[in-house]
């Protein structure tokens, strides 16, 4: 694993990170998404305080990942109540698809 040092700029501050070279693309994309979100909130809500903008962005990120967490929780609860065969790959895939459809509606 090759480690590299990069600087990430968020909300006008620079943060040095040491990461694996494989992570750089994901980190750079996250940096861009955060900056875009900050800019959008600042334009749409006339908020100037960086702390408020960061809090709003954090809330947006956290709620965006909530359906994934809910899906896993629902599947785990269903599996606890069902007799589980040895090979579940097909059944779990179908169940996950149904739960995802339900959560998105």
N, C-alpha and C. Protein backbone atom coordinates (compact mmCIF):
# COMPACT_ATOMS: atom_id res chain seq x y z
N UNK A 1 0.84 -1.17 0.00
CA UNK A 1 0.00 0.00 0.00
C UNK A 1 0.89 1.24 0.00
N UNK A 2 0.75 2.07 -1.03
CA UNK A 2 1.51 3.31 -1.13
C UNK A 2 0.78 4.42 -0.40
N UNK A 3 1.45 5.03 0.56
CA UNK A 3 0.86 6.16 1.27
C UNK A 3 1.35 7.45 0.64
N UNK A 4 0.41 8.39 0.52
CA UNK A 4 0.75 9.70 -0.03
C UNK A 4 0.22 10.77 0.91
N UNK A 5 0.81 11.94 0.83
CA UNK A 5 0.34 13.08 1.61
C UNK A 5 -0.37 14.03 0.66
N UNK A 6 -1.58 14.43 1.05
CA UNK A 6 -2.33 15.39 0.25
C UNK A 6 -2.89 16.46 1.18
N UNK A 7 -3.35 17.54 0.58
CA UNK A 7 -4.04 18.57 1.33
C UNK A 7 -5.46 18.67 0.78
N UNK A 8 -6.42 18.65 1.68
CA UNK A 8 -7.83 18.77 1.33
C UNK A 8 -8.30 20.13 1.82
N UNK A 9 -8.96 20.88 0.96
CA UNK A 9 -9.47 22.20 1.33
C UNK A 9 -10.98 22.13 1.48
N UNK A 10 -11.43 22.46 2.69
CA UNK A 10 -12.86 22.46 2.99
C UNK A 10 -13.17 23.73 3.76
N UNK A 11 -14.15 24.46 3.25
CA UNK A 11 -14.63 25.68 3.91
C UNK A 11 -13.49 26.67 4.19
N UNK A 12 -12.56 26.77 3.24
CA UNK A 12 -11.49 27.74 3.38
C UNK A 12 -10.33 27.30 4.25
N UNK A 13 -10.36 26.08 4.71
CA UNK A 13 -9.25 25.57 5.52
C UNK A 13 -8.60 24.39 4.84
N UNK A 14 -7.31 24.27 5.04
CA UNK A 14 -6.54 23.19 4.45
C UNK A 14 -6.26 22.13 5.51
N UNK A 15 -6.50 20.88 5.13
CA UNK A 15 -6.29 19.76 6.05
C UNK A 15 -5.32 18.77 5.42
N UNK A 16 -4.14 18.59 6.02
CA UNK A 16 -3.20 17.61 5.48
C UNK A 16 -3.63 16.20 5.87
N UNK A 17 -3.58 15.31 4.91
CA UNK A 17 -3.94 13.91 5.16
C UNK A 17 -2.86 12.99 4.61
N UNK A 18 -2.67 11.87 5.27
CA UNK A 18 -1.83 10.81 4.76
C UNK A 18 -2.76 9.64 4.48
N UNK A 19 -2.87 9.26 3.21
CA UNK A 19 -3.82 8.24 2.79
C UNK A 19 -3.12 7.26 1.85
N UNK A 20 -3.79 6.15 1.57
CA UNK A 20 -3.26 5.25 0.55
C UNK A 20 -3.55 5.87 -0.81
N UNK A 21 -2.71 5.62 -1.77
CA UNK A 21 -2.89 6.21 -3.10
C UNK A 21 -4.21 5.80 -3.72
N UNK A 22 -4.74 4.63 -3.34
CA UNK A 22 -6.01 4.15 -3.87
C UNK A 22 -7.19 5.01 -3.37
N UNK A 23 -7.02 5.68 -2.25
CA UNK A 23 -8.09 6.48 -1.66
C UNK A 23 -8.17 7.89 -2.22
N UNK A 24 -7.14 8.33 -2.92
CA UNK A 24 -7.08 9.73 -3.32
C UNK A 24 -8.28 10.15 -4.16
N UNK A 25 -8.68 9.37 -5.13
CA UNK A 25 -9.80 9.75 -5.99
C UNK A 25 -11.08 9.93 -5.18
N UNK A 26 -11.35 9.00 -4.28
CA UNK A 26 -12.56 9.10 -3.44
C UNK A 26 -12.51 10.32 -2.53
N UNK A 27 -11.34 10.61 -1.97
CA UNK A 27 -11.18 11.78 -1.10
C UNK A 27 -11.39 13.06 -1.89
N UNK A 28 -10.83 13.13 -3.08
CA UNK A 28 -10.97 14.33 -3.91
C UNK A 28 -12.44 14.54 -4.32
N UNK A 29 -13.14 13.45 -4.65
CA UNK A 29 -14.55 13.57 -5.00
C UNK A 29 -15.37 14.03 -3.80
N UNK A 30 -15.07 13.51 -2.63
CA UNK A 30 -15.77 13.93 -1.41
C UNK A 30 -15.51 15.41 -1.15
N UNK A 31 -14.27 15.84 -1.32
CA UNK A 31 -13.92 17.25 -1.14
C UNK A 31 -14.75 18.13 -2.08
N UNK A 32 -14.87 17.73 -3.33
CA UNK A 32 -15.65 18.49 -4.31
C UNK A 32 -17.13 18.53 -3.94
N UNK A 33 -17.67 17.39 -3.49
CA UNK A 33 -19.09 17.34 -3.11
C UNK A 33 -19.37 18.24 -1.90
N UNK A 34 -18.47 18.22 -0.95
CA UNK A 34 -18.64 19.06 0.24
C UNK A 34 -18.61 20.53 -0.15
N UNK A 35 -17.63 20.91 -0.95
CA UNK A 35 -17.52 22.31 -1.38
C UNK A 35 -18.74 22.73 -2.18
N UNK A 36 -19.24 21.85 -3.05
CA UNK A 36 -20.44 22.18 -3.84
C UNK A 36 -21.65 22.36 -2.93
N UNK A 37 -21.77 21.50 -1.93
CA UNK A 37 -22.88 21.60 -0.99
C UNK A 37 -22.80 22.89 -0.19
N UNK A 38 -21.61 23.24 0.28
CA UNK A 38 -21.42 24.49 1.01
C UNK A 38 -21.83 25.69 0.15
N UNK A 39 -21.41 25.68 -1.10
CA UNK A 39 -21.72 26.77 -2.02
C UNK A 39 -23.23 26.87 -2.27
N UNK A 40 -23.87 25.72 -2.45
CA UNK A 40 -25.32 25.70 -2.68
C UNK A 40 -26.07 26.25 -1.48
N UNK A 41 -25.72 25.79 -0.29
CA UNK A 41 -26.39 26.30 0.92
C UNK A 41 -26.17 27.80 1.08
N UNK A 42 -24.96 28.24 0.80
CA UNK A 42 -24.66 29.66 0.96
C UNK A 42 -25.49 30.51 -0.01
N UNK A 43 -25.64 30.04 -1.25
CA UNK A 43 -26.42 30.78 -2.25
C UNK A 43 -27.92 30.74 -1.94
N UNK A 44 -28.42 29.55 -1.61
CA UNK A 44 -29.86 29.39 -1.43
C UNK A 44 -30.40 29.95 -0.12
N UNK A 45 -29.58 30.00 0.90
CA UNK A 45 -30.06 30.42 2.21
C UNK A 45 -29.36 31.66 2.75
N UNK A 46 -28.51 32.25 1.97
CA UNK A 46 -27.78 33.47 2.37
C UNK A 46 -27.10 33.31 3.72
N UNK A 47 -26.58 32.12 3.98
CA UNK A 47 -25.85 31.84 5.22
C UNK A 47 -24.38 32.14 4.96
N UNK A 48 -23.77 32.88 5.83
CA UNK A 48 -22.36 33.26 5.65
C UNK A 48 -21.42 32.51 6.60
N UNK A 49 -21.93 32.12 7.76
CA UNK A 49 -21.10 31.47 8.76
C UNK A 49 -20.70 30.07 8.29
N UNK A 50 -19.41 29.83 8.17
CA UNK A 50 -18.90 28.54 7.68
C UNK A 50 -19.33 27.38 8.58
N UNK A 51 -19.40 27.62 9.88
CA UNK A 51 -19.81 26.56 10.82
C UNK A 51 -21.24 26.12 10.52
N UNK A 52 -22.13 27.08 10.26
CA UNK A 52 -23.51 26.75 9.93
C UNK A 52 -23.59 26.00 8.60
N UNK A 53 -22.80 26.44 7.64
CA UNK A 53 -22.78 25.76 6.34
C UNK A 53 -22.28 24.32 6.47
N UNK A 54 -21.24 24.13 7.28
CA UNK A 54 -20.71 22.78 7.51
C UNK A 54 -21.73 21.90 8.23
N UNK A 55 -22.44 22.47 9.20
CA UNK A 55 -23.47 21.71 9.92
C UNK A 55 -24.59 21.29 8.98
N UNK A 56 -25.01 22.19 8.10
CA UNK A 56 -26.07 21.87 7.15
C UNK A 56 -25.60 20.79 6.16
N UNK A 57 -24.36 20.88 5.74
CA UNK A 57 -23.80 19.87 4.84
C UNK A 57 -23.70 18.52 5.53
N UNK A 58 -23.27 18.51 6.79
CA UNK A 58 -23.18 17.26 7.55
C UNK A 58 -24.55 16.62 7.69
N UNK A 59 -25.56 17.41 7.96
CA UNK A 59 -26.92 16.90 8.07
C UNK A 59 -27.39 16.31 6.75
N UNK A 60 -27.09 16.97 5.67
CA UNK A 60 -27.46 16.47 4.35
C UNK A 60 -26.80 15.12 4.06
N UNK A 61 -25.52 15.01 4.36
CA UNK A 61 -24.79 13.76 4.13
C UNK A 61 -25.35 12.64 5.01
N UNK A 62 -25.61 12.95 6.26
CA UNK A 62 -26.12 11.94 7.19
C UNK A 62 -27.50 11.43 6.78
N UNK A 63 -28.37 12.32 6.34
CA UNK A 63 -29.71 11.88 5.96
C UNK A 63 -29.69 11.16 4.62
N UNK A 64 -28.75 11.49 3.76
CA UNK A 64 -28.65 10.80 2.47
C UNK A 64 -28.26 9.35 2.66
N UNK A 65 -27.51 9.05 3.70
CA UNK A 65 -27.08 7.67 3.94
C UNK A 65 -28.08 6.89 4.79
N UNK A 66 -29.09 7.54 5.33
CA UNK A 66 -30.06 6.87 6.21
C UNK A 66 -30.80 5.71 5.55
N UNK A 67 -31.30 5.83 4.29
CA UNK A 67 -32.01 4.69 3.71
C UNK A 67 -31.17 3.43 3.64
N UNK A 68 -29.87 3.56 3.40
CA UNK A 68 -28.99 2.39 3.36
C UNK A 68 -28.96 1.72 4.72
N UNK A 69 -28.83 2.51 5.77
CA UNK A 69 -28.80 1.97 7.13
C UNK A 69 -30.13 1.31 7.46
N UNK A 70 -31.25 1.96 7.11
CA UNK A 70 -32.57 1.40 7.37
C UNK A 70 -32.76 0.08 6.64
N UNK A 71 -32.30 0.00 5.41
CA UNK A 71 -32.43 -1.23 4.63
C UNK A 71 -31.71 -2.37 5.33
N UNK A 72 -30.49 -2.13 5.78
CA UNK A 72 -29.73 -3.18 6.46
C UNK A 72 -30.43 -3.59 7.74
N UNK A 73 -30.96 -2.64 8.49
CA UNK A 73 -31.65 -2.95 9.74
C UNK A 73 -32.89 -3.79 9.48
N UNK A 74 -33.67 -3.41 8.48
CA UNK A 74 -34.88 -4.17 8.15
C UNK A 74 -34.52 -5.59 7.74
N UNK A 75 -33.53 -5.72 6.88
CA UNK A 75 -33.12 -7.06 6.43
C UNK A 75 -32.65 -7.90 7.61
N UNK A 76 -31.86 -7.32 8.51
CA UNK A 76 -31.38 -8.06 9.68
C UNK A 76 -32.54 -8.53 10.55
N UNK A 77 -33.55 -7.68 10.75
CA UNK A 77 -34.70 -8.05 11.56
C UNK A 77 -35.51 -9.15 10.90
N UNK A 78 -35.67 -9.08 9.59
CA UNK A 78 -36.41 -10.11 8.87
C UNK A 78 -35.67 -11.44 8.98
N UNK A 79 -34.37 -11.42 8.79
CA UNK A 79 -33.57 -12.65 8.85
C UNK A 79 -33.65 -13.29 10.23
N UNK A 80 -33.71 -12.49 11.29
CA UNK A 80 -33.82 -13.03 12.64
C UNK A 80 -35.10 -13.84 12.82
N UNK A 81 -36.15 -13.49 12.09
CA UNK A 81 -37.45 -14.14 12.26
C UNK A 81 -37.73 -15.26 11.25
N UNK A 82 -36.84 -15.44 10.31
CA UNK A 82 -37.05 -16.41 9.25
C UNK A 82 -36.07 -17.57 9.41
N UNK A 83 -36.56 -18.77 9.10
CA UNK A 83 -35.66 -19.92 9.09
C UNK A 83 -34.69 -19.72 7.93
N UNK A 84 -33.41 -19.76 8.22
CA UNK A 84 -32.40 -19.38 7.24
C UNK A 84 -31.78 -20.61 6.59
N UNK A 85 -31.97 -20.76 5.26
CA UNK A 85 -31.30 -21.86 4.56
C UNK A 85 -29.80 -21.56 4.43
N UNK A 86 -29.04 -22.55 4.06
CA UNK A 86 -27.59 -22.41 3.97
C UNK A 86 -27.17 -21.38 2.93
N UNK A 87 -27.71 -21.43 1.73
CA UNK A 87 -27.34 -20.48 0.68
C UNK A 87 -28.45 -19.45 0.53
N UNK A 88 -28.17 -18.23 0.95
CA UNK A 88 -29.17 -17.17 0.95
C UNK A 88 -28.99 -16.15 -0.15
N UNK A 89 -27.99 -16.27 -0.96
CA UNK A 89 -27.65 -15.20 -1.89
C UNK A 89 -28.82 -14.75 -2.75
N UNK A 90 -29.54 -15.67 -3.35
CA UNK A 90 -30.66 -15.30 -4.22
C UNK A 90 -31.79 -14.69 -3.43
N UNK A 91 -32.17 -15.34 -2.33
CA UNK A 91 -33.28 -14.85 -1.51
C UNK A 91 -32.98 -13.49 -0.90
N UNK A 92 -31.76 -13.30 -0.40
CA UNK A 92 -31.40 -12.01 0.19
C UNK A 92 -31.37 -10.91 -0.86
N UNK A 93 -30.92 -11.22 -2.03
CA UNK A 93 -30.90 -10.24 -3.10
C UNK A 93 -32.32 -9.80 -3.45
N UNK A 94 -33.24 -10.76 -3.53
CA UNK A 94 -34.64 -10.43 -3.82
C UNK A 94 -35.25 -9.63 -2.68
N UNK A 95 -34.98 -10.02 -1.45
CA UNK A 95 -35.51 -9.32 -0.30
C UNK A 95 -34.97 -7.89 -0.23
N UNK A 96 -33.69 -7.74 -0.47
CA UNK A 96 -33.09 -6.40 -0.44
C UNK A 96 -33.72 -5.50 -1.50
N UNK A 97 -33.97 -6.06 -2.68
CA UNK A 97 -34.60 -5.31 -3.75
C UNK A 97 -36.00 -4.85 -3.35
N UNK A 98 -36.77 -5.73 -2.74
CA UNK A 98 -38.12 -5.38 -2.29
C UNK A 98 -38.09 -4.32 -1.20
N UNK A 99 -37.17 -4.44 -0.26
CA UNK A 99 -37.06 -3.46 0.81
C UNK A 99 -36.64 -2.11 0.25
N UNK A 100 -35.70 -2.10 -0.68
CA UNK A 100 -35.27 -0.84 -1.31
C UNK A 100 -36.43 -0.17 -2.03
N UNK A 101 -37.25 -0.95 -2.73
CA UNK A 101 -38.40 -0.38 -3.43
C UNK A 101 -39.38 0.22 -2.41
N UNK A 102 -39.59 -0.47 -1.31
CA UNK A 102 -40.50 0.04 -0.28
C UNK A 102 -39.99 1.33 0.33
N UNK A 103 -38.70 1.40 0.63
CA UNK A 103 -38.13 2.59 1.27
C UNK A 103 -38.09 3.78 0.32
N UNK A 104 -38.00 3.52 -0.97
CA UNK A 104 -37.93 4.62 -1.94
C UNK A 104 -39.31 5.16 -2.29
N UNK A 105 -40.34 4.42 -1.94
CA UNK A 105 -41.69 4.92 -2.27
C UNK A 105 -42.26 5.81 -1.20
